[in-house]
Amino acid sequence: MPLYYRIFCAARKLKRQTCVRIDEHRAKISGPADVVCDGEFASFNGAAKVNPKDTVNKSAYWIEEDLSLPGIKDAAQKIEAVKVLLKARGLRYTSPAGMFTPATYTQDSEKRKLWENAWVAAHSAVEAGDKVLDIGGASTAFVFYLASLGCTVKVIDNDWSCCGMIYNTKYVARKMKWDIEVFDRDISKPIPFPDNSFDRVFSICTVEHLSSSVRRRMMREVARVLKPGGIVGLTIDYGPDRKVLIADKGLRFGYRQKLFDEIINPSGLSLYGNDDFVDAGTGKDGFLGAFFLNKPIK
């Protein structure tokens, strides 16, 4: 990154950290503004031990097996090929942690992210020529993969870690001649596109980092900009040690009603695929899952 952009990122990071500390202090005094689900997370659908291969809305409990399935394997190989291509040309994509720090590219986290990306890509049937919106994926391998397919890609992200994700997205798009436009924009603001603009909308591990009110607003906007017949692909993760202000633990599949109240119902969209979420987690470990919505053609 140029020096001027590094200074800009550093100044913005200081401002954001200050705002977070102020919000945390206020929360200690008045209590959290959002409803929080406490206690153990229920394992939905009986903590299935057999991989339900015909489901699309499920947790990543069977990563290795899923990545060997037809369609998923093909998507995963293409995503990995894009990563190899970028590295060969000296270009960068973010780690699953949303940074460029070498230590954050761990084998385990890369495999989990590959499951998310390949699962969503395959089951959304995204293809060349699609107009795609990605929320929260600046500089990710997934966004670059979408562009490599021949999609027109718009990205909305907020460079929270201030590591140059927005700048790098523009740089890679220019070098690779990919059709990507990125907007450094807070998702709490309206999505800056007309109604029925996109064939597909994606958000990989982003909604769980938002407050309840913001995610409801975001999902209403997602439905507005999605074309009739379009598909939304979403993934969520949960770490039991995260602070509530950073990640809302209530979005695990076991809390089905919260998932409907804060994501599905506000959007007005329909579940795409099975409506019995498969959550094979124990309630204590980290969680990763994917689900899909679609906009009926009237």
C-alpha atoms as a PDB file:
ATOM      1  CA  MET A   1       0.000   0.000   0.000  1.00  0.00           C
ATOM      2  CA  PRO A   2       1.172   3.569  -0.588  1.00  0.00           C
ATOM      3  CA  LEU A   3       2.286   5.529   2.476  1.00  0.00           C
ATOM      4  CA  TYR A   4      -0.720   7.882   2.336  1.00  0.00           C
ATOM      5  CA  TYR A   5      -3.105   4.932   2.469  1.00  0.00           C
ATOM      6  CA  ARG A   6      -1.226   3.376   5.398  1.00  0.00           C
ATOM      7  CA  ILE A   7      -1.578   6.638   7.328  1.00  0.00           C
ATOM      8  CA  PHE A   8      -5.279   6.786   6.465  1.00  0.00           C
ATOM      9  CA  CYS A   9      -5.810   3.195   7.683  1.00  0.00           C
ATOM     10  CA  ALA A  10      -3.917   3.808  10.918  1.00  0.00           C
ATOM     11  CA  ALA A  11      -5.949   6.927  11.698  1.00  0.00           C
ATOM     12  CA  ARG A  12      -9.223   5.168  10.971  1.00  0.00           C
ATOM     13  CA  LYS A  13      -8.259   2.158  13.092  1.00  0.00           C
ATOM     14  CA  LEU A  14      -7.523   4.443  16.061  1.00  0.00           C
ATOM     15  CA  LYS A  15     -10.894   6.126  15.634  1.00  0.00           C
ATOM     16  CA  ARG A  16     -12.758   2.813  15.426  1.00  0.00           C
ATOM     17  CA  GLN A  17     -10.983   1.314  18.428  1.00  0.00           C
ATOM     18  CA  THR A  18     -11.897   4.381  20.445  1.00  0.00           C
ATOM     19  CA  CYS A  19     -15.547   4.052  19.399  1.00  0.00           C
ATOM     20  CA  VAL A  20     -15.607   0.353  20.333  1.00  0.00           C
ATOM     21  CA  ARG A  21     -14.219   1.065  23.789  1.00  0.00           C
ATOM     22  CA  ILE A  22     -16.838   3.777  24.313  1.00  0.00           C
ATOM     23  CA  ASP A  23     -19.607   1.375  23.208  1.00  0.00           C
ATOM     24  CA  GLU A  24     -18.303  -1.354  25.546  1.00  0.00           C
ATOM     25  CA  HIS A  25     -18.253   1.101  28.434  1.00  0.00           C
ATOM     26  CA  ARG A  26     -21.834   2.165  27.729  1.00  0.00           C
ATOM     27  CA  ALA A  27     -22.916  -1.470  27.449  1.00  0.00           C
ATOM     28  CA  LYS A  28     -21.508  -2.210  30.918  1.00  0.00           C
ATOM     29  CA  ILE A  29     -23.594   0.617  32.320  1.00  0.00           C
ATOM     30  CA  SER A  30     -26.881   0.116  30.463  1.00  0.00           C
ATOM     31  CA  GLY A  31     -26.629  -3.508  29.323  1.00  0.00           C
ATOM     32  CA  PRO A  32     -26.532  -4.763  25.716  1.00  0.00           C
ATOM     33  CA  ALA A  33     -29.028  -3.264  23.294  1.00  0.00           C
ATOM     34  CA  ASP A  34     -29.658  -6.586  21.527  1.00  0.00           C
ATOM     35  CA  VAL A  35     -31.347  -9.672  22.891  1.00  0.00           C
ATOM     36  CA  VAL A  36     -28.699 -12.260  23.707  1.00  0.00           C
ATOM     37  CA  CYS A  37     -29.234 -16.018  23.923  1.00  0.00           C
ATOM     38  CA  ASP A  38     -27.411 -17.508  26.897  1.00  0.00           C
ATOM     39  CA  GLY A  39     -26.769 -21.097  27.915  1.00  0.00           C
ATOM     40  CA  GLU A  40     -25.920 -24.180  25.908  1.00  0.00           C
ATOM     41  CA  PHE A  41     -26.642 -24.322  22.190  1.00  0.00           C
ATOM     42  CA  ALA A  42     -29.051 -27.042  21.240  1.00  0.00           C
ATOM     43  CA  SER A  43     -27.960 -29.534  18.614  1.00  0.00           C
ATOM     44  CA  PHE A  44     -30.633 -29.347  15.957  1.00  0.00           C
ATOM     45  CA  ASN A  45     -31.838 -32.452  14.139  1.00  0.00           C
ATOM     46  CA  GLY A  46     -30.411 -34.801  16.747  1.00  0.00           C
ATOM     47  CA  ALA A  47     -26.736 -34.075  16.065  1.00  0.00           C
ATOM     48  CA  ALA A  48     -26.756 -36.319  13.004  1.00  0.00           C
ATOM     49  CA  LYS A  49     -23.758 -38.623  12.691  1.00  0.00           C
ATOM     50  CA  VAL A  50     -24.393 -39.515   9.046  1.00  0.00           C
ATOM     51  CA  ASN A  51     -23.681 -36.832   6.480  1.00  0.00           C
ATOM     52  CA  PRO A  52     -26.979 -35.719   4.885  1.00  0.00           C
ATOM     53  CA  LYS A  53     -25.416 -35.213   1.462  1.00  0.00           C
ATOM     54  CA  ASP A  54     -28.672 -34.125  -0.172  1.00  0.00           C
ATOM     55  CA  THR A  55     -29.084 -31.083   2.104  1.00  0.00           C
ATOM     56  CA  VAL A  56     -27.778 -27.609   1.350  1.00  0.00           C
ATOM     57  CA  ASN A  57     -28.572 -25.822   4.622  1.00  0.00           C
ATOM     58  CA  LYS A  58     -26.208 -27.507   7.062  1.00  0.00           C
ATOM     59  CA  SER A  59     -23.155 -27.176   9.272  1.00  0.00           C
ATOM     60  CA  ALA A  60     -19.593 -27.928   8.169  1.00  0.00           C
ATOM     61  CA  TYR A  61     -19.373 -31.026  10.357  1.00  0.00           C
ATOM     62  CA  TRP A  62     -18.366 -33.213   7.413  1.00  0.00           C
ATOM     63  CA  ILE A  63     -15.802 -30.946   5.696  1.00  0.00           C
ATOM     64  CA  GLU A  64     -13.541 -33.606   4.182  1.00  0.00           C
ATOM     65  CA  GLU A  65     -16.457 -35.671   2.913  1.00  0.00           C
ATOM     66  CA  ASP A  66     -18.289 -32.638   1.542  1.00  0.00           C
ATOM     67  CA  LEU A  67     -15.232 -31.409  -0.338  1.00  0.00           C
ATOM     68  CA  SER A  68     -15.089 -34.734  -2.188  1.00  0.00           C
ATOM     69  CA  LEU A  69     -18.696 -34.506  -3.428  1.00  0.00           C
ATOM     70  CA  PRO A  70     -19.324 -33.868  -7.156  1.00  0.00           C
ATOM     71  CA  GLY A  71     -19.856 -30.166  -7.786  1.00  0.00           C
ATOM     72  CA  ILE A  72     -18.313 -29.170  -4.470  1.00  0.00           C
ATOM     73  CA  LYS A  73     -14.984 -30.741  -5.441  1.00  0.00           C
ATOM     74  CA  ASP A  74     -15.013 -28.970  -8.803  1.00  0.00           C
ATOM     75  CA  ALA A  75     -15.736 -25.584  -7.207  1.00  0.00           C
ATOM     76  CA  ALA A  76     -13.044 -26.147  -4.572  1.00  0.00           C
ATOM     77  CA  GLN A  77     -10.444 -26.997  -7.218  1.00  0.00           C
ATOM     78  CA  LYS A  78     -11.280 -23.861  -9.196  1.00  0.00           C
ATOM     79  CA  ILE A  79     -11.028 -21.678  -6.083  1.00  0.00           C
ATOM     80  CA  GLU A  80      -7.655 -23.209  -5.221  1.00  0.00           C
ATOM     81  CA  ALA A  81      -6.517 -22.614  -8.811  1.00  0.00           C
ATOM     82  CA  VAL A  82      -7.370 -18.926  -8.481  1.00  0.00           C
ATOM     83  CA  LYS A  83      -5.285 -18.716  -5.300  1.00  0.00           C
ATOM     84  CA  VAL A  84      -2.342 -20.362  -7.067  1.00  0.00           C
ATOM     85  CA  LEU A  85      -2.708 -17.953 -10.000  1.00  0.00           C
ATOM     86  CA  LEU A  86      -2.715 -14.918  -7.731  1.00  0.00           C
ATOM     87  CA  LYS A  87       0.360 -16.096  -5.835  1.00  0.00           C
ATOM     88  CA  ALA A  88       2.190 -16.746  -9.103  1.00  0.00           C
ATOM     89  CA  ARG A  89       1.567 -13.157 -10.140  1.00  0.00           C
ATOM     90  CA  GLY A  90       2.587 -11.706  -6.796  1.00  0.00           C
ATOM     91  CA  LEU A  91      -0.979 -10.739  -5.883  1.00  0.00           C
ATOM     92  CA  ARG A  92      -2.652 -11.224  -2.534  1.00  0.00           C
ATOM     93  CA  TYR A  93      -5.938 -12.440  -1.089  1.00  0.00           C
ATOM     94  CA  THR A  94      -6.904 -12.272   2.576  1.00  0.00           C
ATOM     95  CA  SER A  95      -6.675 -15.127   5.043  1.00  0.00           C
ATOM     96  CA  PRO A  96      -9.864 -16.502   6.668  1.00  0.00           C
ATOM     97  CA  ALA A  97      -9.188 -13.956   9.418  1.00  0.00           C
ATOM     98  CA  GLY A  98      -9.545 -11.118   6.921  1.00  0.00           C
ATOM     99  CA  MET A  99      -5.881 -10.136   7.046  1.00  0.00           C
ATOM    100  CA  PHE A 100      -2.675 -10.556   5.069  1.00  0.00           C
ATOM    101  CA  THR A 101      -0.547 -11.625   8.061  1.00  0.00           C
ATOM    102  CA  PRO A 102       1.205 -14.929   7.175  1.00  0.00           C
ATOM    103  CA  ALA A 103       0.464 -16.512  10.561  1.00  0.00           C
ATOM    104  CA  THR A 104      -3.300 -16.270   9.919  1.00  0.00           C
ATOM    105  CA  TYR A 105      -3.182 -18.584   6.887  1.00  0.00           C
ATOM    106  CA  THR A 106      -3.451 -21.795   8.918  1.00  0.00           C
ATOM    107  CA  GLN A 107      -4.197 -25.170   7.338  1.00  0.00           C
ATOM    108  CA  ASP A 108      -7.321 -25.702   9.439  1.00  0.00           C
ATOM    109  CA  SER A 109      -8.811 -22.264   8.829  1.00  0.00           C
ATOM    110  CA  GLU A 110      -8.025 -22.450   5.104  1.00  0.00           C
ATOM    111  CA  LYS A 111      -9.861 -25.785   4.861  1.00  0.00           C
ATOM    112  CA  ARG A 112     -12.900 -24.420   6.687  1.00  0.00           C
ATOM    113  CA  LYS A 113     -12.977 -21.369   4.438  1.00  0.00           C
ATOM    114  CA  LEU A 114     -12.644 -23.570   1.354  1.00  0.00           C
ATOM    115  CA  TRP A 115     -15.715 -25.516   2.489  1.00  0.00           C
ATOM    116  CA  GLU A 116     -17.685 -22.286   2.866  1.00  0.00           C
ATOM    117  CA  ASN A 117     -16.641 -20.905  -0.485  1.00  0.00           C
ATOM    118  CA  ALA A 118     -17.079 -24.109  -2.477  1.00  0.00           C
ATOM    119  CA  TRP A 119     -20.357 -25.042  -0.775  1.00  0.00           C
ATOM    120  CA  VAL A 120     -21.887 -21.633  -1.470  1.00  0.00           C
ATOM    121  CA  ALA A 121     -20.554 -21.407  -5.010  1.00  0.00           C
ATOM    122  CA  ALA A 122     -21.806 -24.858  -5.995  1.00  0.00           C
ATOM    123  CA  HIS A 123     -25.254 -24.677  -4.413  1.00  0.00           C
ATOM    124  CA  SER A 124     -25.987 -21.158  -5.630  1.00  0.00           C
ATOM    125  CA  ALA A 125     -25.170 -22.269  -9.199  1.00  0.00           C
ATOM    126  CA  VAL A 126     -23.393 -18.968  -9.841  1.00  0.00           C
ATOM    127  CA  GLU A 127     -22.065 -18.727 -13.375  1.00  0.00           C
ATOM    128  CA  ALA A 128     -20.430 -16.453 -15.931  1.00  0.00           C
ATOM    129  CA  GLY A 129     -22.490 -13.388 -16.743  1.00  0.00           C
ATOM    130  CA  ASP A 130     -24.208 -13.229 -13.367  1.00  0.00           C
ATOM    131  CA  LYS A 131     -24.378  -9.892 -11.604  1.00  0.00           C
ATOM    132  CA  VAL A 132     -23.185 -10.590  -8.085  1.00  0.00           C
ATOM    133  CA  LEU A 133     -23.098  -8.643  -4.830  1.00  0.00           C
ATOM    134  CA  ASP A 134     -20.743  -9.744  -2.060  1.00  0.00           C
ATOM    135  CA  ILE A 135     -21.086  -8.247   1.409  1.00  0.00           C
ATOM    136  CA  GLY A 136     -17.984  -8.365   3.588  1.00  0.00           C
ATOM    137  CA  GLY A 137     -15.628 -10.103   1.166  1.00  0.00           C
ATOM    138  CA  ALA A 138     -13.108  -7.534  -0.030  1.00  0.00           C
ATOM    139  CA  SER A 139      -9.865  -9.172  -1.217  1.00  0.00           C
ATOM    140  CA  THR A 140     -11.116 -12.685  -0.433  1.00  0.00           C
ATOM    141  CA  ALA A 141     -10.335 -15.658  -2.635  1.00  0.00           C
ATOM    142  CA  PHE A 142     -14.093 -16.104  -3.011  1.00  0.00           C
ATOM    143  CA  VAL A 143     -14.611 -12.667  -4.575  1.00  0.00           C
ATOM    144  CA  PHE A 144     -11.661 -13.170  -6.914  1.00  0.00           C
ATOM    145  CA  TYR A 145     -13.042 -16.598  -7.856  1.00  0.00           C
ATOM    146  CA  LEU A 146     -16.418 -15.056  -8.749  1.00  0.00           C
ATOM    147  CA  ALA A 147     -14.685 -12.522 -10.963  1.00  0.00           C
ATOM    148  CA  SER A 148     -12.570 -15.241 -12.598  1.00  0.00           C
ATOM    149  CA  LEU A 149     -15.773 -17.036 -13.607  1.00  0.00           C
ATOM    150  CA  GLY A 150     -16.804 -13.989 -15.611  1.00  0.00           C
ATOM    151  CA  CYS A 151     -19.259 -12.501 -13.132  1.00  0.00           C
ATOM    152  CA  THR A 152     -19.790  -8.777 -12.679  1.00  0.00           C
ATOM    153  CA  VAL A 153     -18.933  -8.372  -9.003  1.00  0.00           C
ATOM    154  CA  LYS A 154     -19.815  -5.555  -6.629  1.00  0.00           C
ATOM    155  CA  VAL A 155     -18.346  -5.704  -3.125  1.00  0.00           C
ATOM    156  CA  ILE A 156     -19.454  -3.817  -0.034  1.00  0.00           C
ATOM    157  CA  ASP A 157     -17.017  -4.005   2.848  1.00  0.00           C
ATOM    158  CA  ASN A 158     -15.638  -1.986   5.706  1.00  0.00           C
ATOM    159  CA  ASP A 159     -11.896  -2.395   6.166  1.00  0.00           C
ATOM    160  CA  TRP A 160     -12.190  -2.922   9.918  1.00  0.00           C
ATOM    161  CA  SER A 161      -8.687  -4.308  10.377  1.00  0.00           C
ATOM    162  CA  CYS A 162      -7.353  -1.483   8.204  1.00  0.00           C
ATOM    163  CA  CYS A 163      -4.937  -3.817   6.418  1.00  0.00           C
ATOM    164  CA  GLY A 164      -5.713  -2.509   2.945  1.00  0.00           C
ATOM    165  CA  MET A 165      -8.440  -4.959   1.893  1.00  0.00           C
ATOM    166  CA  ILE A 166     -10.278  -2.331  -0.151  1.00  0.00           C
ATOM    167  CA  TYR A 167      -7.115  -1.011  -1.786  1.00  0.00           C
ATOM    168  CA  ASN A 168      -5.906  -4.538  -2.598  1.00  0.00           C
ATOM    169  CA  THR A 169      -9.241  -5.499  -4.179  1.00  0.00           C
ATOM    170  CA  LYS A 170      -8.979  -2.602  -6.587  1.00  0.00           C
ATOM    171  CA  TYR A 171      -5.324  -3.365  -7.294  1.00  0.00           C
ATOM    172  CA  VAL A 172      -5.919  -7.060  -8.059  1.00  0.00           C
ATOM    173  CA  ALA A 173      -8.981  -6.289 -10.200  1.00  0.00           C
ATOM    174  CA  ARG A 174      -6.943  -3.850 -12.253  1.00  0.00           C
ATOM    175  CA  LYS A 175      -4.005  -6.239 -12.684  1.00  0.00           C
ATOM    176  CA  MET A 176      -6.196  -9.220 -13.578  1.00  0.00           C
ATOM    177  CA  LYS A 177      -8.658  -7.158 -15.637  1.00  0.00           C
ATOM    178  CA  TRP A 178     -11.535  -8.545 -13.599  1.00  0.00           C
ATOM    179  CA  ASP A 179     -14.927  -6.842 -13.388  1.00  0.00           C
ATOM    180  CA  ILE A 180     -14.908  -5.965  -9.684  1.00  0.00           C
ATOM    181  CA  GLU A 181     -16.057  -2.732  -8.069  1.00  0.00           C
ATOM    182  CA  VAL A 182     -15.584  -2.347  -4.326  1.00  0.00           C
ATOM    183  CA  PHE A 183     -17.298   0.109  -1.983  1.00  0.00           C
ATOM    184  CA  ASP A 184     -15.748   1.030   1.370  1.00  0.00           C
ATOM    185  CA  ARG A 185     -19.097   1.356   3.092  1.00  0.00           C
ATOM    186  CA  ASP A 186     -20.719   0.484   6.401  1.00  0.00           C
ATOM    187  CA  ILE A 187     -23.426  -2.136   5.836  1.00  0.00           C
ATOM    188  CA  SER A 188     -25.675  -0.320   8.316  1.00  0.00           C
ATOM    189  CA  LYS A 189     -26.255   2.152   5.489  1.00  0.00           C
ATOM    190  CA  PRO A 190     -28.612   1.372   2.579  1.00  0.00           C
ATOM    191  CA  ILE A 191     -27.106  -0.756  -0.190  1.00  0.00           C
ATOM    192  CA  PRO A 192     -26.332   1.726  -2.999  1.00  0.00           C
ATOM    193  CA  PHE A 193     -28.011  -0.135  -5.870  1.00  0.00           C
ATOM    194  CA  PRO A 194     -31.494  -0.101  -7.432  1.00  0.00           C
ATOM    195  CA  ASP A 195     -34.138  -2.754  -6.792  1.00  0.00           C
ATOM    196  CA  ASN A 196     -33.666  -6.114  -8.542  1.00  0.00           C
ATOM    197  CA  SER A 197     -30.012  -5.492  -9.464  1.00  0.00           C
ATOM    198  CA  PHE A 198     -28.338  -8.839  -8.711  1.00  0.00           C
ATOM    199  CA  ASP A 199     -28.681 -12.480  -9.722  1.00  0.00           C
ATOM    200  CA  ARG A 200     -26.801 -13.619  -6.621  1.00  0.00           C
ATOM    201  CA  VAL A 201     -25.954 -12.062  -3.263  1.00  0.00           C
ATOM    202  CA  PHE A 202     -23.310 -13.580  -0.978  1.00  0.00           C
ATOM    203  CA  SER A 203     -22.112 -12.874   2.534  1.00  0.00           C
ATOM    204  CA  ILE A 204     -19.469 -15.203   3.955  1.00  0.00           C
ATOM    205  CA  CYS A 205     -19.169 -15.170   7.758  1.00  0.00           C
ATOM    206  CA  THR A 206     -20.296 -11.558   8.123  1.00  0.00           C
ATOM    207  CA  VAL A 207     -23.838 -11.354   9.543  1.00  0.00           C
ATOM    208  CA  GLU A 208     -22.840 -12.836  12.907  1.00  0.00           C
ATOM    209  CA  HIS A 209     -20.535  -9.856  13.455  1.00  0.00           C
ATOM    210  CA  LEU A 210     -23.399  -7.371  13.160  1.00  0.00           C
ATOM    211  CA  SER A 211     -25.853  -6.181  15.768  1.00  0.00           C
ATOM    212  CA  SER A 212     -29.396  -7.534  15.570  1.00  0.00           C
ATOM    213  CA  SER A 213     -30.814  -4.278  14.242  1.00  0.00           C
ATOM    214  CA  VAL A 214     -28.137  -3.907  11.572  1.00  0.00           C
ATOM    215  CA  ARG A 215     -28.474  -7.466  10.307  1.00  0.00           C
ATOM    216  CA  ARG A 216     -32.251  -7.092  10.009  1.00  0.00           C
ATOM    217  CA  ARG A 217     -31.786  -3.898   8.030  1.00  0.00           C
ATOM    218  CA  MET A 218     -29.125  -5.537   5.875  1.00  0.00           C
ATOM    219  CA  MET A 219     -31.387  -8.479   5.028  1.00  0.00           C
ATOM    220  CA  ARG A 220     -34.224  -6.173   3.982  1.00  0.00           C
ATOM    221  CA  GLU A 221     -31.795  -4.412   1.669  1.00  0.00           C
ATOM    222  CA  VAL A 222     -30.460  -7.718   0.330  1.00  0.00           C
ATOM    223  CA  ALA A 223     -33.995  -8.763  -0.619  1.00  0.00           C
ATOM    224  CA  ARG A 224     -34.598  -5.418  -2.292  1.00  0.00           C
ATOM    225  CA  VAL A 225     -31.563  -5.587  -4.588  1.00  0.00           C
ATOM    226  CA  LEU A 226     -31.972  -9.302  -5.413  1.00  0.00           C
ATOM    227  CA  LYS A 227     -33.690 -10.128  -8.690  1.00  0.00           C
ATOM    228  CA  PRO A 228     -36.787 -12.372  -8.680  1.00  0.00           C
ATOM    229  CA  GLY A 229     -35.506 -15.915  -8.980  1.00  0.00           C
ATOM    230  CA  GLY A 230     -32.184 -14.887  -7.449  1.00  0.00           C
ATOM    231  CA  ILE A 231     -30.359 -16.746  -4.687  1.00  0.00           C
ATOM    232  CA  VAL A 232     -28.659 -15.532  -1.507  1.00  0.00           C
ATOM    233  CA  GLY A 233     -25.819 -17.636  -0.074  1.00  0.00           C
ATOM    234  CA  LEU A 234     -24.869 -16.986   3.561  1.00  0.00           C
ATOM    235  CA  THR A 235     -22.460 -18.573   5.983  1.00  0.00           C
ATOM    236  CA  ILE A 236     -22.146 -18.015   9.711  1.00  0.00           C
ATOM    237  CA  ASP A 237     -19.583 -19.088  12.269  1.00  0.00           C
ATOM    238  CA  TYR A 238     -19.541 -19.046  16.049  1.00  0.00           C
ATOM    239  CA  GLY A 239     -16.710 -19.125  18.537  1.00  0.00           C
ATOM    240  CA  PRO A 240     -17.836 -19.720  22.144  1.00  0.00           C
ATOM    241  CA  ASP A 241     -15.184 -17.376  23.562  1.00  0.00           C
ATOM    242  CA  ARG A 242     -16.114 -14.323  21.498  1.00  0.00           C
ATOM    243  CA  LYS A 243     -17.588 -11.285  23.150  1.00  0.00           C
ATOM    244  CA  VAL A 244     -21.246 -10.649  22.404  1.00  0.00           C
ATOM    245  CA  LEU A 245     -20.426  -7.181  21.088  1.00  0.00           C
ATOM    246  CA  ILE A 246     -18.198  -8.748  18.444  1.00  0.00           C
ATOM    247  CA  ALA A 247     -20.119 -11.894  17.516  1.00  0.00           C
ATOM    248  CA  ASP A 248     -23.717 -12.802  18.325  1.00  0.00           C
ATOM    249  CA  LYS A 249     -23.627 -16.382  19.523  1.00  0.00           C
ATOM    250  CA  GLY A 250     -27.369 -16.781  19.075  1.00  0.00           C
ATOM    251  CA  LEU A 251     -27.112 -17.378  15.337  1.00  0.00           C
ATOM    252  CA  ARG A 252     -26.181 -21.017  15.684  1.00  0.00           C
ATOM    253  CA  PHE A 253     -28.704 -23.240  13.884  1.00  0.00           C
ATOM    254  CA  GLY A 254     -29.875 -24.658  17.201  1.00  0.00           C
ATOM    255  CA  TYR A 255     -31.509 -21.290  17.904  1.00  0.00           C
ATOM    256  CA  ARG A 256     -33.753 -21.663  14.877  1.00  0.00           C
ATOM    257  CA  GLN A 257     -36.208 -18.943  15.932  1.00  0.00           C
ATOM    258  CA  LYS A 258     -33.464 -16.342  16.286  1.00  0.00           C
ATOM    259  CA  LEU A 259     -32.185 -17.205  12.813  1.00  0.00           C
ATOM    260  CA  PHE A 260     -35.671 -16.675  11.414  1.00  0.00           C
ATOM    261  CA  ASP A 261     -36.380 -13.541  13.457  1.00  0.00           C
ATOM    262  CA  GLU A 262     -33.149 -11.761  12.570  1.00  0.00           C
ATOM    263  CA  ILE A 263     -32.264 -12.957   9.075  1.00  0.00           C
ATOM    264  CA  ILE A 264     -34.918 -14.898   7.189  1.00  0.00           C
ATOM    265  CA  ASN A 265     -38.147 -13.171   8.229  1.00  0.00           C
ATOM    266  CA  PRO A 266     -36.850  -9.573   7.864  1.00  0.00           C
ATOM    267  CA  SER A 267     -35.744 -10.385   4.319  1.00  0.00           C
ATOM    268  CA  GLY A 268     -39.119 -11.736   3.250  1.00  0.00           C
ATOM    269  CA  LEU A 269     -37.214 -14.344   1.233  1.00  0.00           C
ATOM    270  CA  SER A 270     -37.791 -18.095   1.256  1.00  0.00           C
ATOM    271  CA  LEU A 271     -35.429 -20.827   2.337  1.00  0.00           C
ATOM    272  CA  TYR A 272     -33.792 -22.440  -0.672  1.00  0.00           C
ATOM    273  CA  GLY A 273     -33.393 -26.169  -0.123  1.00  0.00           C
ATOM    274  CA  ASN A 274     -34.136 -28.110   3.043  1.00  0.00           C
ATOM    275  CA  ASP A 275     -35.921 -26.248   5.819  1.00  0.00           C
ATOM    276  CA  ASP A 276     -34.669 -28.511   8.603  1.00  0.00           C
ATOM    277  CA  PHE A 277     -31.247 -27.109   9.368  1.00  0.00           C
ATOM    278  CA  VAL A 278     -28.660 -29.726  10.205  1.00  0.00           C
ATOM    279  CA  ASP A 279     -26.560 -28.625  13.171  1.00  0.00           C
ATOM    280  CA  ALA A 280     -24.237 -31.414  14.230  1.00  0.00           C
ATOM    281  CA  GLY A 281     -22.294 -29.406  16.801  1.00  0.00           C
ATOM    282  CA  THR A 282     -22.025 -30.250  20.481  1.00  0.00           C
ATOM    283  CA  GLY A 283     -22.895 -26.836  21.817  1.00  0.00           C
ATOM    284  CA  LYS A 284     -19.429 -26.144  23.216  1.00  0.00           C
ATOM    285  CA  ASP A 285     -17.209 -26.154  20.157  1.00  0.00           C
ATOM    286  CA  GLY A 286     -16.910 -23.642  17.357  1.00  0.00           C
ATOM    287  CA  PHE A 287     -19.570 -23.758  14.681  1.00  0.00           C
ATOM    288  CA  LEU A 288     -19.683 -23.141  10.946  1.00  0.00           C
ATOM    289  CA  GLY A 289     -22.713 -23.417   8.708  1.00  0.00           C
ATOM    290  CA  ALA A 290     -24.238 -22.321   5.403  1.00  0.00           C
ATOM    291  CA  PHE A 291     -27.764 -21.627   4.260  1.00  0.00           C
ATOM    292  CA  PHE A 292     -29.523 -20.239   1.214  1.00  0.00           C
ATOM    293  CA  LEU A 293     -32.513 -18.030   0.456  1.00  0.00           C
ATOM    294  CA  ASN A 294     -34.282 -17.201  -2.783  1.00  0.00           C
ATOM    295  CA  LYS A 295     -36.651 -14.584  -4.129  1.00  0.00           C
ATOM    296  CA  PRO A 296     -39.734 -16.137  -5.727  1.00  0.00           C
ATOM    297  CA  ILE A 297     -40.779 -15.043  -9.198  1.00  0.00           C
ATOM    298  CA  LYS A 298     -44.214 -13.495  -8.909  1.00  0.00           C
END
